[in-house]
Amino acid sequence: MEYQGNYNIMQEEPERRPEMLTVLCILSFINAVYNGIANFISFAFYDSFVALLGQMRNGEGMFEEMAEQMGDNWDTMTDAVSLAFSVGRGYYLIEMLLFVASFIGVFMMWRMLKKGFHVYAISQILMLITTSIFVISKVGGGFPLGSVLWTVFFILMYLGHYKKVMK
């Protein structure tokens, strides 16, 4: 006995991710991975970088000939380079963790989950605060307008998709 049935099962087609959301996510993935790795390397090899910068500043070892050739420009360059490591090792650890959180948020938005937007936005805002606390307070400088504008731009772009397609 053969049983044949005509089943019309309607399967829901998964929602397609809008192209603009895809582009935003890919750009954010690249940013999070690149900066996460850079901050990990800066954290992991902080002591080595500081020692190398000490040699560089004093024009010792492999930097001796370059320091002589550059003259007064050498001091300007070493001052600028040493600012990157004057903020302390903890800054790089915190930034790395925030970029990991940002990556997780973007991955959730890639899957069109609303909570990914919140994770991403909070991590981006905390990055601005961390930079203000560690960098601006120790090194000096003005308000990080460029960073704020990029952060606001991406959050607003994601917000449009948050309201329309994320669940």
N, C-alpha and C. Protein backbone atom coordinates (compact mmCIF):
# COMPACT_ATOMS: atom_id res chain seq x y z
N MET A 1 0.84 -1.16 0.00
CA MET A 1 0.00 0.00 0.00
C MET A 1 0.90 1.23 0.00
N GLU A 2 0.66 2.06 -0.92
CA GLU A 2 1.47 3.25 -1.06
C GLU A 2 0.64 4.46 -0.66
N TYR A 3 1.23 5.25 0.14
CA TYR A 3 0.53 6.42 0.61
C TYR A 3 1.10 7.65 -0.07
N GLN A 4 0.26 8.36 -0.74
CA GLN A 4 0.68 9.58 -1.39
C GLN A 4 -0.19 10.71 -0.87
N GLY A 5 0.49 11.76 -0.50
CA GLY A 5 -0.26 12.91 -0.03
C GLY A 5 0.29 14.17 -0.69
N ASN A 6 -0.59 15.05 -0.90
CA ASN A 6 -0.19 16.31 -1.50
C ASN A 6 -0.11 17.34 -0.37
N TYR A 7 1.08 17.57 0.04
CA TYR A 7 1.29 18.51 1.14
C TYR A 7 1.77 19.83 0.57
N ASN A 8 1.07 20.83 0.90
CA ASN A 8 1.50 22.18 0.53
C ASN A 8 2.00 22.87 1.79
N ILE A 9 3.20 22.59 2.11
CA ILE A 9 3.79 23.19 3.29
C ILE A 9 4.48 24.47 2.85
N MET A 10 4.01 25.52 3.42
CA MET A 10 4.62 26.82 3.09
C MET A 10 5.81 27.02 4.02
N GLN A 11 6.95 27.08 3.41
CA GLN A 11 8.14 27.35 4.21
C GLN A 11 8.47 28.83 4.10
N GLU A 12 8.75 29.38 5.25
CA GLU A 12 9.14 30.79 5.24
C GLU A 12 10.53 30.91 4.69
N GLU A 13 10.66 31.79 3.74
CA GLU A 13 11.98 32.06 3.19
C GLU A 13 12.70 32.99 4.15
N PRO A 14 13.94 32.65 4.50
CA PRO A 14 14.64 33.53 5.44
C PRO A 14 14.79 34.94 4.87
N GLU A 15 14.65 35.90 5.77
CA GLU A 15 14.78 37.29 5.33
C GLU A 15 16.17 37.56 4.83
N ARG A 16 16.24 38.27 3.73
CA ARG A 16 17.54 38.64 3.17
C ARG A 16 18.06 39.88 3.88
N ARG A 17 19.35 39.85 4.11
CA ARG A 17 20.01 41.01 4.70
C ARG A 17 20.14 42.07 3.64
N PRO A 18 19.74 43.30 3.94
CA PRO A 18 19.90 44.38 2.97
C PRO A 18 21.38 44.58 2.62
N GLU A 19 21.63 44.97 1.37
CA GLU A 19 23.00 45.14 0.92
C GLU A 19 23.76 46.17 1.76
N MET A 20 23.11 47.24 2.13
CA MET A 20 23.78 48.27 2.91
C MET A 20 24.17 47.75 4.28
N LEU A 21 23.33 46.93 4.89
CA LEU A 21 23.67 46.32 6.17
C LEU A 21 24.87 45.39 6.01
N THR A 22 24.90 44.67 4.91
CA THR A 22 26.04 43.79 4.62
C THR A 22 27.33 44.60 4.50
N VAL A 23 27.27 45.71 3.78
CA VAL A 23 28.46 46.57 3.61
C VAL A 23 28.91 47.12 4.96
N LEU A 24 27.96 47.63 5.74
CA LEU A 24 28.30 48.16 7.07
C LEU A 24 28.94 47.10 7.95
N CYS A 25 28.38 45.90 7.93
CA CYS A 25 28.92 44.82 8.76
C CYS A 25 30.33 44.44 8.31
N ILE A 26 30.55 44.35 7.02
CA ILE A 26 31.89 43.99 6.53
C ILE A 26 32.90 45.05 6.93
N LEU A 27 32.56 46.33 6.76
CA LEU A 27 33.47 47.40 7.18
C LEU A 27 33.74 47.34 8.68
N SER A 28 32.71 47.06 9.46
CA SER A 28 32.88 46.97 10.90
C SER A 28 33.68 45.74 11.31
N PHE A 29 33.49 44.62 10.58
CA PHE A 29 34.30 43.42 10.84
C PHE A 29 35.78 43.72 10.62
N ILE A 30 36.07 44.36 9.50
CA ILE A 30 37.47 44.69 9.17
C ILE A 30 38.06 45.58 10.26
N ASN A 31 37.32 46.60 10.67
CA ASN A 31 37.79 47.51 11.71
C ASN A 31 38.02 46.77 13.03
N ALA A 32 37.08 45.95 13.43
CA ALA A 32 37.18 45.25 14.72
C ALA A 32 38.35 44.26 14.72
N VAL A 33 38.50 43.51 13.64
CA VAL A 33 39.58 42.52 13.59
C VAL A 33 40.94 43.21 13.55
N TYR A 34 41.10 44.19 12.68
CA TYR A 34 42.38 44.89 12.55
C TYR A 34 42.78 45.55 13.87
N ASN A 35 41.87 46.31 14.45
CA ASN A 35 42.19 47.02 15.69
C ASN A 35 42.28 46.09 16.89
N GLY A 36 41.50 45.03 16.89
CA GLY A 36 41.61 44.04 17.97
C GLY A 36 42.98 43.38 17.97
N ILE A 37 43.47 43.01 16.79
CA ILE A 37 44.80 42.40 16.67
C ILE A 37 45.89 43.41 17.03
N ALA A 38 45.77 44.63 16.53
CA ALA A 38 46.76 45.67 16.83
C ALA A 38 46.84 45.94 18.33
N ASN A 39 45.69 46.02 18.99
CA ASN A 39 45.70 46.26 20.43
C ASN A 39 46.21 45.05 21.20
N PHE A 40 45.94 43.85 20.71
CA PHE A 40 46.49 42.65 21.35
C PHE A 40 48.01 42.65 21.27
N ILE A 41 48.54 42.96 20.09
CA ILE A 41 50.00 43.00 19.91
C ILE A 41 50.61 44.08 20.80
N SER A 42 49.99 45.25 20.84
CA SER A 42 50.50 46.33 21.69
C SER A 42 50.47 45.94 23.16
N PHE A 43 49.43 45.22 23.58
CA PHE A 43 49.34 44.77 24.96
C PHE A 43 50.37 43.68 25.25
N ALA A 44 50.44 42.69 24.38
CA ALA A 44 51.31 41.54 24.61
C ALA A 44 52.80 41.91 24.59
N PHE A 45 53.16 42.83 23.72
CA PHE A 45 54.58 43.18 23.57
C PHE A 45 54.89 44.58 24.09
N TYR A 46 54.07 45.07 25.00
CA TYR A 46 54.21 46.42 25.51
C TYR A 46 55.61 46.69 26.05
N ASP A 47 56.10 45.80 26.90
CA ASP A 47 57.42 46.01 27.51
C ASP A 47 58.52 46.04 26.46
N SER A 48 58.42 45.17 25.46
CA SER A 48 59.42 45.15 24.38
C SER A 48 59.37 46.45 23.59
N PHE A 49 58.18 46.94 23.30
CA PHE A 49 58.05 48.20 22.56
C PHE A 49 58.63 49.37 23.36
N VAL A 50 58.36 49.39 24.66
CA VAL A 50 58.87 50.47 25.50
C VAL A 50 60.40 50.44 25.53
N ALA A 51 60.98 49.24 25.65
CA ALA A 51 62.44 49.11 25.65
C ALA A 51 63.01 49.56 24.31
N LEU A 52 62.37 49.16 23.23
CA LEU A 52 62.82 49.55 21.90
C LEU A 52 62.72 51.07 21.71
N LEU A 53 61.64 51.64 22.22
CA LEU A 53 61.49 53.10 22.13
C LEU A 53 62.55 53.82 22.95
N GLY A 54 62.97 53.22 24.08
CA GLY A 54 64.05 53.80 24.87
C GLY A 54 65.35 53.84 24.08
N GLN A 55 65.64 52.74 23.39
CA GLN A 55 66.83 52.70 22.53
C GLN A 55 66.71 53.72 21.40
N MET A 56 65.55 53.80 20.84
CA MET A 56 65.31 54.72 19.73
C MET A 56 65.49 56.16 20.19
N ARG A 57 64.92 56.49 21.34
CA ARG A 57 65.00 57.86 21.86
C ARG A 57 66.45 58.26 22.12
N ASN A 58 67.24 57.31 22.62
CA ASN A 58 68.63 57.61 22.93
C ASN A 58 69.56 57.45 21.73
N GLY A 59 69.03 57.01 20.61
CA GLY A 59 69.84 56.81 19.41
C GLY A 59 70.88 55.72 19.60
N GLU A 60 70.49 54.65 20.28
CA GLU A 60 71.42 53.56 20.56
C GLU A 60 71.17 52.38 19.63
N GLY A 61 72.15 51.51 19.56
CA GLY A 61 72.01 50.27 18.80
C GLY A 61 71.77 50.54 17.33
N MET A 62 70.77 49.88 16.80
CA MET A 62 70.48 49.99 15.37
C MET A 62 69.98 51.37 14.96
N PHE A 63 69.63 52.20 15.94
CA PHE A 63 69.12 53.54 15.64
C PHE A 63 70.21 54.61 15.62
N GLU A 64 71.43 54.25 15.99
CA GLU A 64 72.51 55.23 16.13
C GLU A 64 72.76 56.01 14.84
N GLU A 65 72.90 55.30 13.75
CA GLU A 65 73.20 55.97 12.47
C GLU A 65 72.03 56.84 12.00
N MET A 66 70.82 56.32 12.16
CA MET A 66 69.64 57.10 11.75
C MET A 66 69.53 58.38 12.56
N ALA A 67 69.78 58.28 13.88
CA ALA A 67 69.68 59.46 14.75
C ALA A 67 70.68 60.52 14.33
N GLU A 68 71.88 60.10 13.95
CA GLU A 68 72.89 61.07 13.51
C GLU A 68 72.48 61.75 12.20
N GLN A 69 71.91 60.98 11.29
CA GLN A 69 71.53 61.52 9.99
C GLN A 69 70.34 62.48 10.10
N MET A 70 69.42 62.18 10.99
CA MET A 70 68.22 63.01 11.09
C MET A 70 68.40 64.24 11.97
N GLY A 71 69.37 64.23 12.84
CA GLY A 71 69.63 65.40 13.68
C GLY A 71 68.46 65.75 14.58
N ASP A 72 68.04 67.01 14.53
CA ASP A 72 66.96 67.50 15.39
C ASP A 72 65.61 66.84 15.07
N ASN A 73 65.42 66.41 13.85
CA ASN A 73 64.17 65.75 13.47
C ASN A 73 63.99 64.43 14.21
N TRP A 74 65.11 63.82 14.61
CA TRP A 74 65.05 62.55 15.32
C TRP A 74 64.29 62.71 16.64
N ASP A 75 64.57 63.79 17.37
CA ASP A 75 63.89 64.02 18.65
C ASP A 75 62.39 64.22 18.45
N THR A 76 62.03 64.96 17.43
CA THR A 76 60.61 65.18 17.14
C THR A 76 59.91 63.87 16.83
N MET A 77 60.56 63.04 16.01
CA MET A 77 59.96 61.76 15.63
C MET A 77 59.84 60.83 16.84
N THR A 78 60.89 60.73 17.65
CA THR A 78 60.83 59.82 18.81
C THR A 78 59.82 60.30 19.85
N ASP A 79 59.66 61.61 19.98
CA ASP A 79 58.64 62.12 20.89
C ASP A 79 57.24 61.70 20.43
N ALA A 80 57.02 61.81 19.14
CA ALA A 80 55.71 61.43 18.59
C ALA A 80 55.45 59.94 18.74
N VAL A 81 56.46 59.12 18.47
CA VAL A 81 56.31 57.67 18.57
C VAL A 81 56.10 57.24 20.03
N SER A 82 56.83 57.85 20.95
CA SER A 82 56.73 57.45 22.35
C SER A 82 55.38 57.81 22.97
N LEU A 83 54.66 58.75 22.39
CA LEU A 83 53.33 59.09 22.91
C LEU A 83 52.38 57.89 22.85
N ALA A 84 52.56 57.04 21.85
CA ALA A 84 51.68 55.88 21.69
C ALA A 84 51.76 54.93 22.88
N PHE A 85 52.91 54.89 23.55
CA PHE A 85 53.06 53.96 24.67
C PHE A 85 53.13 54.67 26.02
N SER A 86 52.79 55.93 26.04
CA SER A 86 52.77 56.65 27.31
C SER A 86 51.43 56.48 28.03
N VAL A 87 50.47 55.87 27.37
CA VAL A 87 49.13 55.73 27.97
C VAL A 87 49.03 54.54 28.91
N GLY A 88 49.97 53.62 28.85
CA GLY A 88 49.95 52.46 29.74
C GLY A 88 49.40 51.22 29.06
N ARG A 89 49.80 50.11 29.58
CA ARG A 89 49.45 48.80 29.02
C ARG A 89 47.95 48.51 29.12
N GLY A 90 47.34 48.94 30.21
CA GLY A 90 45.92 48.65 30.43
C GLY A 90 45.02 49.19 29.34
N TYR A 91 45.39 50.30 28.76
CA TYR A 91 44.59 50.89 27.69
C TYR A 91 44.44 49.90 26.53
N TYR A 92 45.52 49.25 26.17
CA TYR A 92 45.48 48.33 25.03
C TYR A 92 44.64 47.09 25.33
N LEU A 93 44.67 46.64 26.58
CA LEU A 93 43.83 45.50 26.97
C LEU A 93 42.35 45.88 26.90
N ILE A 94 42.02 47.03 27.46
CA ILE A 94 40.62 47.48 27.45
C ILE A 94 40.13 47.67 26.02
N GLU A 95 40.94 48.33 25.18
CA GLU A 95 40.55 48.55 23.79
C GLU A 95 40.37 47.22 23.05
N MET A 96 41.28 46.26 23.30
CA MET A 96 41.16 44.96 22.64
C MET A 96 39.83 44.29 23.02
N LEU A 97 39.51 44.31 24.30
CA LEU A 97 38.25 43.70 24.76
C LEU A 97 37.03 44.42 24.16
N LEU A 98 37.11 45.73 24.04
CA LEU A 98 36.00 46.47 23.44
C LEU A 98 35.86 46.17 21.95
N PHE A 99 36.98 45.96 21.26
CA PHE A 99 36.89 45.58 19.84
C PHE A 99 36.34 44.17 19.68
N VAL A 100 36.64 43.28 20.62
CA VAL A 100 36.04 41.94 20.59
C VAL A 100 34.53 42.05 20.79
N ALA A 101 34.12 42.89 21.74
CA ALA A 101 32.68 43.11 21.97
C ALA A 101 32.03 43.71 20.72
N SER A 102 32.72 44.65 20.09
CA SER A 102 32.21 45.26 18.87
C SER A 102 32.04 44.19 17.78
N PHE A 103 33.02 43.31 17.65
CA PHE A 103 32.95 42.22 16.67
C PHE A 103 31.74 41.33 16.94
N ILE A 104 31.52 41.00 18.20
CA ILE A 104 30.37 40.16 18.58
C ILE A 104 29.07 40.86 18.22
N GLY A 105 28.99 42.15 18.51
CA GLY A 105 27.80 42.92 18.16
C GLY A 105 27.55 42.95 16.67
N VAL A 106 28.61 43.13 15.89
CA VAL A 106 28.46 43.15 14.42
C VAL A 106 28.04 41.77 13.92
N PHE A 107 28.60 40.72 14.51
CA PHE A 107 28.21 39.36 14.11
C PHE A 107 26.72 39.13 14.36
N MET A 108 26.23 39.62 15.49
CA MET A 108 24.79 39.48 15.78
C MET A 108 23.96 40.29 14.78
N MET A 109 24.43 41.49 14.42
CA MET A 109 23.69 42.28 13.44
C MET A 109 23.76 41.61 12.06
N TRP A 110 24.86 40.93 11.76
CA TRP A 110 25.00 40.18 10.51
C TRP A 110 23.88 39.15 10.44
N ARG A 111 23.54 38.58 11.60
CA ARG A 111 22.46 37.61 11.69
C ARG A 111 21.11 38.30 11.92
N MET A 112 21.11 39.63 11.84
CA MET A 112 19.94 40.50 11.95
C MET A 112 19.24 40.39 13.32
N LEU A 113 20.05 40.34 14.37
CA LEU A 113 19.53 40.31 15.73
C LEU A 113 19.68 41.70 16.35
N LYS A 114 18.60 42.19 16.94
CA LYS A 114 18.58 43.55 17.50
C LYS A 114 19.59 43.74 18.63
N LYS A 115 19.79 42.70 19.44
CA LYS A 115 20.69 42.89 20.57
C LYS A 115 22.13 43.15 20.10
N GLY A 116 22.46 42.78 18.88
CA GLY A 116 23.78 43.08 18.34
C GLY A 116 24.01 44.57 18.21
N PHE A 117 22.96 45.30 17.87
CA PHE A 117 23.06 46.75 17.77
C PHE A 117 23.45 47.35 19.11
N HIS A 118 22.83 46.85 20.18
CA HIS A 118 23.11 47.38 21.51
C HIS A 118 24.55 47.08 21.94
N VAL A 119 25.00 45.85 21.68
CA VAL A 119 26.37 45.47 22.02
C VAL A 119 27.36 46.34 21.26
N TYR A 120 27.10 46.51 19.96
CA TYR A 120 27.99 47.32 19.12
C TYR A 120 28.02 48.78 19.58
N ALA A 121 26.85 49.37 19.77
CA ALA A 121 26.78 50.78 20.14
C ALA A 121 27.44 51.04 21.49
N ILE A 122 27.18 50.19 22.46
CA ILE A 122 27.78 50.37 23.79
C ILE A 122 29.29 50.24 23.72
N SER A 123 29.78 49.25 22.99
CA SER A 123 31.24 49.08 22.89
C SER A 123 31.89 50.26 22.18
N GLN A 124 31.24 50.80 21.16
CA GLN A 124 31.80 51.95 20.45
C GLN A 124 31.83 53.19 21.35
N ILE A 125 30.79 53.40 22.11
CA ILE A 125 30.74 54.55 23.02
C ILE A 125 31.78 54.39 24.13
N LEU A 126 31.93 53.17 24.65
CA LEU A 126 32.95 52.94 25.66
C LEU A 126 34.36 53.15 25.11
N MET A 127 34.56 52.86 23.83
CA MET A 127 35.87 53.13 23.23
C MET A 127 36.17 54.62 23.22
N LEU A 128 35.17 55.42 22.92
CA LEU A 128 35.37 56.88 22.94
C LEU A 128 35.70 57.37 24.36
N ILE A 129 35.00 56.82 25.34
CA ILE A 129 35.24 57.21 26.73
C ILE A 129 36.63 56.75 27.17
N THR A 130 37.00 55.52 26.84
CA THR A 130 38.31 55.00 27.21
C THR A 130 39.42 55.84 26.60
N THR A 131 39.26 56.19 25.33
CA THR A 131 40.27 57.02 24.67
C THR A 131 40.36 58.38 25.35
N SER A 132 39.23 58.94 25.72
CA SER A 132 39.25 60.23 26.41
C SER A 132 39.96 60.14 27.75
N ILE A 133 39.69 59.08 28.49
CA ILE A 133 40.29 58.92 29.81
C ILE A 133 41.79 58.67 29.70
N PHE A 134 42.18 57.70 28.89
CA PHE A 134 43.58 57.30 28.83
C PHE A 134 44.45 58.23 27.98
N VAL A 135 43.99 58.54 26.80
CA VAL A 135 44.84 59.25 25.85
C VAL A 135 44.79 60.76 26.07
N ILE A 136 43.63 61.33 26.02
CA ILE A 136 43.51 62.79 26.09
C ILE A 136 43.97 63.30 27.45
N SER A 137 43.62 62.58 28.52
CA SER A 137 44.01 63.06 29.85
C SER A 137 45.51 62.93 30.09
N LYS A 138 46.16 61.92 29.50
CA LYS A 138 47.60 61.72 29.73
C LYS A 138 48.46 62.40 28.69
N VAL A 139 48.08 62.31 27.46
CA VAL A 139 48.91 62.82 26.37
C VAL A 139 48.54 64.26 26.03
N GLY A 140 47.28 64.57 26.19
CA GLY A 140 46.81 65.89 25.81
C GLY A 140 46.10 65.83 24.48
N GLY A 141 45.80 66.94 23.97
CA GLY A 141 45.09 66.99 22.69
C GLY A 141 43.67 67.46 22.90
N GLY A 142 43.00 67.62 21.81
CA GLY A 142 41.65 68.15 21.86
C GLY A 142 40.59 67.07 21.84
N PHE A 143 39.41 67.51 21.66
CA PHE A 143 38.24 66.63 21.58
C PHE A 143 38.35 65.76 20.33
N PRO A 144 38.13 64.44 20.45
CA PRO A 144 38.28 63.53 19.30
C PRO A 144 37.08 63.60 18.35
N LEU A 145 36.90 64.74 17.71
CA LEU A 145 35.72 64.98 16.86
C LEU A 145 35.59 63.95 15.74
N GLY A 146 36.69 63.62 15.09
CA GLY A 146 36.64 62.65 13.99
C GLY A 146 36.13 61.29 14.45
N SER A 147 36.64 60.81 15.56
CA SER A 147 36.19 59.52 16.10
C SER A 147 34.72 59.56 16.48
N VAL A 148 34.31 60.65 17.08
CA VAL A 148 32.91 60.79 17.48
C VAL A 148 32.01 60.79 16.24
N LEU A 149 32.40 61.54 15.21
CA LEU A 149 31.58 61.60 13.99
C LEU A 149 31.46 60.23 13.32
N TRP A 150 32.58 59.48 13.23
CA TRP A 150 32.51 58.14 12.63
C TRP A 150 31.63 57.21 13.45
N THR A 151 31.76 57.30 14.77
CA THR A 151 30.94 56.45 15.64
C THR A 151 29.46 56.78 15.47
N VAL A 152 29.13 58.05 15.49
CA VAL A 152 27.73 58.47 15.32
C VAL A 152 27.22 58.05 13.94
N PHE A 153 28.03 58.22 12.91
CA PHE A 153 27.63 57.83 11.55
C PHE A 153 27.28 56.35 11.48
N PHE A 154 28.15 55.48 11.98
CA PHE A 154 27.89 54.04 11.90
C PHE A 154 26.70 53.65 12.77
N ILE A 155 26.60 54.22 13.96
CA ILE A 155 25.46 53.89 14.82
C ILE A 155 24.15 54.31 14.16
N LEU A 156 24.11 55.49 13.56
CA LEU A 156 22.89 55.94 12.87
C LEU A 156 22.57 55.05 11.66
N MET A 157 23.60 54.65 10.93
CA MET A 157 23.37 53.76 9.77
C MET A 157 22.81 52.41 10.23
N TYR A 158 23.37 51.88 11.31
CA TYR A 158 22.85 50.61 11.85
C TYR A 158 21.45 50.80 12.43
N LEU A 159 21.18 51.96 13.00
CA LEU A 159 19.88 52.23 13.62
C LEU A 159 18.75 52.14 12.58
N GLY A 160 19.00 52.60 11.37
CA GLY A 160 17.99 52.49 10.31
C GLY A 160 17.62 51.04 10.03
N HIS A 161 18.61 50.17 10.05
CA HIS A 161 18.36 48.74 9.83
C HIS A 161 17.78 48.07 11.08
N TYR A 162 18.13 48.61 12.22
CA TYR A 162 17.60 48.10 13.50
C TYR A 162 16.07 48.17 13.49
N LYS A 163 15.56 49.31 13.04
CA LYS A 163 14.13 49.53 13.04
C LYS A 163 13.40 48.73 11.96
N LYS A 164 14.09 48.47 10.82
CA LYS A 164 13.41 47.86 9.67
C LYS A 164 13.53 46.34 9.60
N VAL A 165 14.74 45.80 9.77
CA VAL A 165 14.91 44.38 9.45
C VAL A 165 15.42 43.50 10.60
N MET A 166 15.93 44.11 11.66
CA MET A 166 16.45 43.27 12.74
C MET A 166 15.31 42.79 13.63
N LYS A 167 15.49 41.60 14.13
CA LYS A 167 14.45 41.02 14.99
C LYS A 167 14.97 40.74 16.37
